[in-house]
Structure formats: C-alpha cells, structure tokens
Amino acid sequence: MVTNIAYKIIKKAVILRINHGEDPIEVIDSYPKLSDTQRAKMLVELEEEGYIASDTPQEEEVLPEEE
C-alpha cells in the first residue's frame, strides 16, 4: 500500500504510459507497492476518466424496422 500522494504520482505515470500505448493492466501491475484495493480503484478511475475502455458492453440503440 502506498500513501495518497504516492498514489496520485503513480496514477499520473500510469496515464502517461497508457498514452504511449502500453497495456493498462501491465502498467498498473508494474507497481508492486500498490495494494489490490488501490489497483482496482485506479482501474475504475481510469475507466471513468476515459483513459481505458470499459469491458462492459454498452446498450445498442435499437432503431425501428422499416416497413
């Protein structure tokens, strides 16, 4: 587990690495001092902020069929 300040610094580094094309999971796993809870929290935050795509399927808009 890392402190709140260290967490914020690591998160910024993770964002930079993701923007350079690295895999988000591998990047986060490369920080061994993060707890499992911190890893999960960071993944959720990165999804919410749009840095990584969500694995949850989105509802598709259903258009009426033409007759």
C-alpha atoms as a PDB file:
ATOM      1  CA  MET A   1       0.000   0.000   0.000  1.00  0.00           C
ATOM      2  CA  VAL A   2       1.244   3.468  -0.867  1.00  0.00           C
ATOM      3  CA  THR A   3       0.341   6.859   0.577  1.00  0.00           C
ATOM      4  CA  ASN A   4      -2.257   9.097  -1.058  1.00  0.00           C
ATOM      5  CA  ILE A   5       0.442  11.369  -2.521  1.00  0.00           C
ATOM      6  CA  ALA A   6       2.365   8.390  -3.950  1.00  0.00           C
ATOM      7  CA  TYR A   7      -0.892   7.025  -5.393  1.00  0.00           C
ATOM      8  CA  LYS A   8      -1.524  10.296  -7.257  1.00  0.00           C
ATOM      9  CA  ILE A   9       2.043  10.325  -8.619  1.00  0.00           C
ATOM     10  CA  ILE A  10       1.777   6.701  -9.761  1.00  0.00           C
ATOM     11  CA  LYS A  11      -1.593   7.403 -11.385  1.00  0.00           C
ATOM     12  CA  LYS A  12      -0.084  10.248 -13.439  1.00  0.00           C
ATOM     13  CA  ALA A  13       2.768   7.968 -14.501  1.00  0.00           C
ATOM     14  CA  VAL A  14       0.268   5.247 -15.448  1.00  0.00           C
ATOM     15  CA  ILE A  15      -1.714   7.720 -17.568  1.00  0.00           C
ATOM     16  CA  LEU A  16       1.456   8.791 -19.399  1.00  0.00           C
ATOM     17  CA  ARG A  17       2.397   5.176 -20.094  1.00  0.00           C
ATOM     18  CA  ILE A  18      -1.114   4.337 -21.321  1.00  0.00           C
ATOM     19  CA  ASN A  19      -0.997   7.355 -23.637  1.00  0.00           C
ATOM     20  CA  HIS A  20       2.256   5.954 -25.055  1.00  0.00           C
ATOM     21  CA  GLY A  21       0.481   2.721 -25.957  1.00  0.00           C
ATOM     22  CA  GLU A  22       1.277   0.421 -23.036  1.00  0.00           C
ATOM     23  CA  ASP A  23      -1.299  -2.052 -21.705  1.00  0.00           C
ATOM     24  CA  PRO A  24      -3.096  -0.539 -18.667  1.00  0.00           C
ATOM     25  CA  ILE A  25      -3.157  -3.787 -16.660  1.00  0.00           C
ATOM     26  CA  GLU A  26       0.542  -4.457 -17.220  1.00  0.00           C
ATOM     27  CA  VAL A  27       1.393  -0.869 -16.314  1.00  0.00           C
ATOM     28  CA  ILE A  28      -0.554  -0.968 -13.060  1.00  0.00           C
ATOM     29  CA  ASP A  29       0.878  -4.388 -12.192  1.00  0.00           C
ATOM     30  CA  SER A  30       4.388  -2.988 -12.618  1.00  0.00           C
ATOM     31  CA  TYR A  31       3.897  -1.045  -9.368  1.00  0.00           C
ATOM     32  CA  PRO A  32       4.203  -3.794  -6.718  1.00  0.00           C
ATOM     33  CA  LYS A  33       3.659  -1.486  -3.748  1.00  0.00           C
ATOM     34  CA  LEU A  34       0.067  -0.767  -4.790  1.00  0.00           C
ATOM     35  CA  SER A  35      -2.419  -2.831  -2.806  1.00  0.00           C
ATOM     36  CA  ASP A  36      -5.088  -4.864  -4.589  1.00  0.00           C
ATOM     37  CA  THR A  37      -7.643  -2.288  -3.469  1.00  0.00           C
ATOM     38  CA  GLN A  38      -5.568   0.558  -4.914  1.00  0.00           C
ATOM     39  CA  ARG A  39      -5.126  -1.312  -8.203  1.00  0.00           C
ATOM     40  CA  ALA A  40      -8.869  -1.862  -8.512  1.00  0.00           C
ATOM     41  CA  LYS A  41      -9.592   1.757  -7.566  1.00  0.00           C
ATOM     42  CA  MET A  42      -7.138   3.022 -10.184  1.00  0.00           C
ATOM     43  CA  LEU A  43      -8.677   0.849 -12.909  1.00  0.00           C
ATOM     44  CA  VAL A  44     -12.141   2.183 -12.099  1.00  0.00           C
ATOM     45  CA  GLU A  45     -10.900   5.785 -12.065  1.00  0.00           C
ATOM     46  CA  LEU A  46      -9.072   5.366 -15.376  1.00  0.00           C
ATOM     47  CA  GLU A  47     -12.207   3.888 -16.974  1.00  0.00           C
ATOM     48  CA  GLU A  48     -14.375   6.718 -15.635  1.00  0.00           C
ATOM     49  CA  GLU A  49     -11.900   9.319 -16.892  1.00  0.00           C
ATOM     50  CA  GLY A  50     -11.782   7.715 -20.347  1.00  0.00           C
ATOM     51  CA  TYR A  51      -8.156   6.584 -20.369  1.00  0.00           C
ATOM     52  CA  ILE A  52      -9.117   2.941 -20.842  1.00  0.00           C
ATOM     53  CA  ALA A  53     -12.145   1.321 -22.442  1.00  0.00           C
ATOM     54  CA  SER A  54     -14.694  -0.396 -20.275  1.00  0.00           C
ATOM     55  CA  ASP A  55     -15.221  -4.121 -20.821  1.00  0.00           C
ATOM     56  CA  THR A  56     -18.905  -3.688 -20.042  1.00  0.00           C
ATOM     57  CA  PRO A  57     -20.970  -3.956 -23.225  1.00  0.00           C
ATOM     58  CA  GLN A  58     -22.924  -0.809 -23.936  1.00  0.00           C
ATOM     59  CA  GLU A  59     -26.603  -0.943 -24.802  1.00  0.00           C
ATOM     60  CA  GLU A  60     -27.097  -0.546 -28.519  1.00  0.00           C
ATOM     61  CA  GLU A  61     -29.669   1.866 -29.793  1.00  0.00           C
ATOM     62  CA  VAL A  62     -32.482  -0.073 -31.395  1.00  0.00           C
ATOM     63  CA  LEU A  63     -33.931   1.584 -34.475  1.00  0.00           C
ATOM     64  CA  PRO A  64     -37.445   0.762 -35.653  1.00  0.00           C
ATOM     65  CA  GLU A  65     -37.577  -1.515 -38.689  1.00  0.00           C
ATOM     66  CA  GLU A  66     -38.705  -0.008 -41.944  1.00  0.00           C
ATOM     67  CA  GLU A  67     -41.892  -1.397 -43.467  1.00  0.00           C
END
